[in-house]
């Protein structure tokens, strides 16, 4: 039995998308993005009070990268995963974990734009700096997809994988703060990978963290 502990529009969406793509049987427990995650009961699942947390066969896991690696090894080693010893293993690991690089900048911007309620607590410098860092991440994805040896439809030449799920979910979040204009290969790839039933199934069914589709750096000049 698999139980995913999830907050809409957070990193746990990455795991939710993956489970739907695998057509795995699982239970979903959704939480508001608030102090509920700091309660003692939840901290037994994820000691830092973060999502995702995964219960599987009596064991508990946290950290999206570790969860993705484990689920792929167990349930989809050849399609969504790339196992040790295979030619694309190194690239799969790199891009799988690059998603967290994107997410850390998005998390900083979420704090600035959403979590901090008082304008006096916000930093225009941090907002602009982190948004610029997201664009640098887009540059890296663009360069990968526009490989000199031939443009790729997916991050790996071998086809769609959990690396695409992880990075595309991170870009889904990042697009609230940095537009993908000027990155045609990334934009085409993003439309391609999110045009899947598994992605639609992972989208929020109600309110998520973000009340706006896009948050410009503050104050708007």
Protein backbone atom coordinates (compact mmCIF):
# COMPACT_ATOMS: atom_id res chain seq x y z
CA UNK A 1 0.00 0.00 0.00
CA UNK A 2 1.22 3.48 -0.93
CA UNK A 3 0.05 6.67 0.77
CA UNK A 4 1.22 10.05 -0.50
CA UNK A 5 1.03 13.03 1.84
CA UNK A 6 0.58 16.07 -0.37
CA UNK A 7 -0.03 19.82 -0.50
CA UNK A 8 -1.33 21.22 -3.80
CA UNK A 9 1.21 23.27 -5.79
CA UNK A 10 4.23 22.07 -3.85
CA UNK A 11 7.06 19.64 -4.59
CA UNK A 12 4.75 16.76 -3.70
CA UNK A 13 2.93 17.42 -6.98
CA UNK A 14 6.04 15.90 -8.57
CA UNK A 15 5.41 12.61 -6.77
CA UNK A 16 1.68 12.75 -7.47
CA UNK A 17 2.32 13.18 -11.21
CA UNK A 18 4.79 10.29 -11.14
CA UNK A 19 2.36 7.95 -9.40
CA UNK A 20 -0.37 8.79 -11.91
CA UNK A 21 2.06 8.24 -14.79
CA UNK A 22 2.93 4.84 -13.35
CA UNK A 23 -0.77 4.04 -12.95
CA UNK A 24 0.09 2.98 -9.41
CA UNK A 25 -2.51 2.20 -6.79
CA UNK A 26 -2.18 4.72 -3.96
CA UNK A 27 -4.04 6.73 -1.36
CA UNK A 28 -3.76 10.51 -1.29
CA UNK A 29 -3.84 12.61 1.86
CA UNK A 30 -3.94 16.32 1.13
CA UNK A 31 -3.07 19.07 3.61
CA UNK A 32 -3.34 22.84 3.61
CA UNK A 33 -0.03 24.62 3.29
CA UNK A 34 0.05 25.80 6.89
CA UNK A 35 1.15 24.83 10.40
CA UNK A 36 -0.51 21.43 10.01
CA UNK A 37 2.80 20.25 8.60
CA UNK A 38 4.50 21.18 11.88
CA UNK A 39 2.24 19.07 14.06
CA UNK A 40 3.89 16.13 15.89
CA UNK A 41 1.94 13.52 13.95
CA UNK A 42 3.13 14.80 10.59
CA UNK A 43 6.70 15.23 11.81
CA UNK A 44 6.87 11.47 12.31
CA UNK A 45 6.43 11.22 8.54
CA UNK A 46 8.70 14.07 7.51
CA UNK A 47 10.92 15.44 10.30
CA UNK A 48 11.40 18.83 8.62
CA UNK A 49 7.63 19.26 8.24
CA UNK A 50 7.67 19.24 4.46
CA UNK A 51 5.91 17.42 1.66
CA UNK A 52 6.03 14.99 0.04
CA UNK A 53 6.00 12.23 2.60
CA UNK A 54 5.42 8.71 1.35
CA UNK A 55 4.32 5.63 3.22
CA UNK A 56 5.01 2.38 1.41
CA UNK A 57 4.83 -1.15 2.76
CA UNK A 58 5.17 0.05 6.35
CA UNK A 59 8.18 2.28 5.60
CA UNK A 60 8.29 6.06 5.41
CA UNK A 61 10.14 8.25 2.94
CA UNK A 62 10.64 11.96 2.39
CA UNK A 63 12.61 14.07 -0.13
CA UNK A 64 11.29 14.09 -3.70
CA UNK A 65 14.49 13.00 -5.39
CA UNK A 66 14.85 9.94 -3.17
CA UNK A 67 11.17 9.08 -3.59
CA UNK A 68 11.41 9.37 -7.37
CA UNK A 69 14.50 7.18 -7.56
CA UNK A 70 12.92 4.51 -5.35
CA UNK A 71 9.58 4.43 -7.16
CA UNK A 72 11.25 4.24 -10.56
CA UNK A 73 13.58 1.44 -9.46
CA UNK A 74 10.67 -0.52 -8.10
CA UNK A 75 7.85 0.15 -10.53
CA UNK A 76 9.24 1.58 -13.79
CA UNK A 77 12.97 0.86 -14.14
CA UNK A 78 13.04 0.94 -17.94
CA UNK A 79 10.38 3.49 -18.96
CA UNK A 80 10.47 6.27 -16.37
CA UNK A 81 13.74 5.34 -14.71
CA UNK A 82 17.27 4.71 -15.96
CA UNK A 83 18.95 2.06 -13.87
CA UNK A 84 22.61 1.79 -12.81
CA UNK A 85 24.77 0.58 -15.64
CA UNK A 86 22.55 1.93 -18.41
CA UNK A 87 23.92 4.59 -20.79
CA UNK A 88 21.54 7.36 -19.69
CA UNK A 89 21.81 6.79 -15.93
CA UNK A 90 24.15 9.74 -15.37
CA UNK A 91 22.06 12.22 -17.34
CA UNK A 92 18.87 10.93 -15.72
CA UNK A 93 20.27 11.59 -12.24
CA UNK A 94 21.57 15.03 -13.19
CA UNK A 95 18.27 16.26 -14.57
CA UNK A 96 16.17 14.53 -11.95
CA UNK A 97 17.98 16.48 -9.25
CA UNK A 98 18.24 19.69 -11.30
CA UNK A 99 14.54 20.06 -10.55
CA UNK A 100 15.49 20.92 -6.99
CA UNK A 101 17.78 23.71 -8.22
CA UNK A 102 14.79 25.25 -9.97
CA UNK A 103 12.55 24.66 -6.97
CA UNK A 104 14.82 26.33 -4.43
CA UNK A 105 14.60 29.63 -6.34
CA UNK A 106 10.84 29.24 -6.70
CA UNK A 107 10.56 28.57 -2.97
CA UNK A 108 12.40 31.81 -2.20
CA UNK A 109 10.03 33.73 -4.47
CA UNK A 110 6.99 32.02 -2.98
CA UNK A 111 8.12 33.20 0.42
CA UNK A 112 8.60 36.75 -0.81
CA UNK A 113 5.36 37.06 -2.78
CA UNK A 114 2.98 34.77 -0.91
CA UNK A 115 4.14 33.84 2.58
CA UNK A 116 5.20 37.31 3.71
CA UNK A 117 2.08 39.38 4.26
CA UNK A 118 3.66 42.71 5.17
CA UNK A 119 5.28 44.73 2.39
CA UNK A 120 7.96 45.87 4.82
CA UNK A 121 9.14 42.24 5.09
CA UNK A 122 9.62 41.81 1.36
CA UNK A 123 12.82 42.48 -0.56
CA UNK A 124 12.65 43.78 -4.15
CA UNK A 125 16.32 42.82 -4.52
CA UNK A 126 15.68 39.20 -3.55
CA UNK A 127 12.65 39.06 -5.86
CA UNK A 128 14.60 40.30 -8.87
CA UNK A 129 17.66 38.20 -8.09
CA UNK A 130 15.74 34.95 -7.67
CA UNK A 131 13.63 35.59 -10.79
CA UNK A 132 16.85 36.14 -12.75
CA UNK A 133 18.21 32.86 -11.38
CA UNK A 134 15.12 31.07 -12.65
CA UNK A 135 15.81 32.45 -16.11
CA UNK A 136 19.34 31.04 -15.85
CA UNK A 137 17.78 27.67 -15.07
CA UNK A 138 15.60 28.05 -18.15
CA UNK A 139 18.77 28.75 -20.15
CA UNK A 140 20.24 25.45 -18.96
CA UNK A 141 17.12 23.50 -19.96
CA UNK A 142 17.01 25.28 -23.31
CA UNK A 143 20.63 24.37 -23.99
CA UNK A 144 19.94 20.73 -23.12
CA UNK A 145 16.97 20.50 -25.47
CA UNK A 146 18.86 22.29 -28.26
CA UNK A 147 21.81 19.91 -28.16
CA UNK A 148 24.26 20.58 -31.05
CA UNK A 149 23.98 16.92 -32.04
CA UNK A 150 20.24 17.27 -32.55
CA UNK A 151 17.27 18.81 -30.77
CA UNK A 152 15.59 16.58 -28.20
CA UNK A 153 11.89 16.09 -27.61
CA UNK A 154 12.69 15.18 -24.00
CA UNK A 155 15.55 15.73 -21.58
CA UNK A 156 16.95 12.31 -22.44
CA UNK A 157 17.43 11.00 -25.95
CA UNK A 158 15.83 7.72 -24.90
CA UNK A 159 12.45 9.36 -24.41
CA UNK A 160 10.13 10.62 -21.71
CA UNK A 161 11.22 9.80 -18.16
CA UNK A 162 10.85 10.81 -14.54
CA UNK A 163 13.48 13.47 -15.23
CA UNK A 164 10.96 15.26 -17.45
CA UNK A 165 8.31 14.95 -14.74
CA UNK A 166 10.58 16.40 -12.07
CA UNK A 167 11.88 19.32 -14.12
CA UNK A 168 8.55 20.13 -15.76
CA UNK A 169 6.83 20.26 -12.38
CA UNK A 170 9.53 22.63 -11.17
CA UNK A 171 8.99 24.79 -14.26
CA UNK A 172 5.22 24.70 -13.65
CA UNK A 173 5.90 26.34 -10.29
CA UNK A 174 8.60 28.66 -11.60
CA UNK A 175 6.34 30.08 -14.31
CA UNK A 176 4.47 31.93 -11.56
CA UNK A 177 7.54 34.16 -11.24
CA UNK A 178 9.60 33.99 -14.46
CA UNK A 179 8.11 33.73 -17.93
CA UNK A 180 9.52 31.25 -20.42
CA UNK A 181 9.44 33.76 -23.27
CA UNK A 182 12.66 33.62 -25.24
CA UNK A 183 13.08 29.89 -24.62
CA UNK A 184 11.31 28.25 -27.57
CA UNK A 185 12.71 24.75 -27.07
CA UNK A 186 11.80 24.80 -23.38
CA UNK A 187 8.31 26.12 -24.16
CA UNK A 188 7.68 23.41 -26.76
CA UNK A 189 9.00 20.71 -24.41
CA UNK A 190 6.88 22.02 -21.53
CA UNK A 191 3.72 21.93 -23.63
CA UNK A 192 4.61 18.44 -24.81
CA UNK A 193 5.22 16.90 -21.39
CA UNK A 194 2.31 18.62 -19.66
CA UNK A 195 -0.11 17.49 -22.37
CA UNK A 196 -0.47 14.19 -20.53
CA UNK A 197 -3.38 12.87 -18.51
CA UNK A 198 -1.03 12.18 -15.61
CA UNK A 199 -0.08 15.86 -15.38
CA UNK A 200 -3.72 16.97 -15.49
CA UNK A 201 -4.50 14.50 -12.71
CA UNK A 202 -1.82 16.09 -10.51
CA UNK A 203 -3.10 19.66 -10.86
CA UNK A 204 -4.89 21.28 -7.90
CA UNK A 205 -8.57 20.46 -7.72
CA UNK A 206 -9.29 23.58 -5.70
CA UNK A 207 -7.23 26.39 -4.22
CA UNK A 208 -3.49 26.03 -4.26
CA UNK A 209 -0.75 28.25 -2.90
CA UNK A 210 -0.92 30.80 -5.70
CA UNK A 211 -3.81 33.22 -6.08
CA UNK A 212 -2.27 34.67 -9.26
CA UNK A 213 -0.98 33.09 -12.43
CA UNK A 214 2.04 35.41 -12.41
CA UNK A 215 3.78 37.52 -9.79
CA UNK A 216 5.93 40.33 -11.14
CA UNK A 217 8.91 41.52 -9.10
CA UNK A 218 7.71 43.94 -6.44
CA UNK A 219 7.27 46.84 -6.44
CA UNK A 220 6.13 46.95 -10.05
CA UNK A 221 7.90 49.80 -11.78
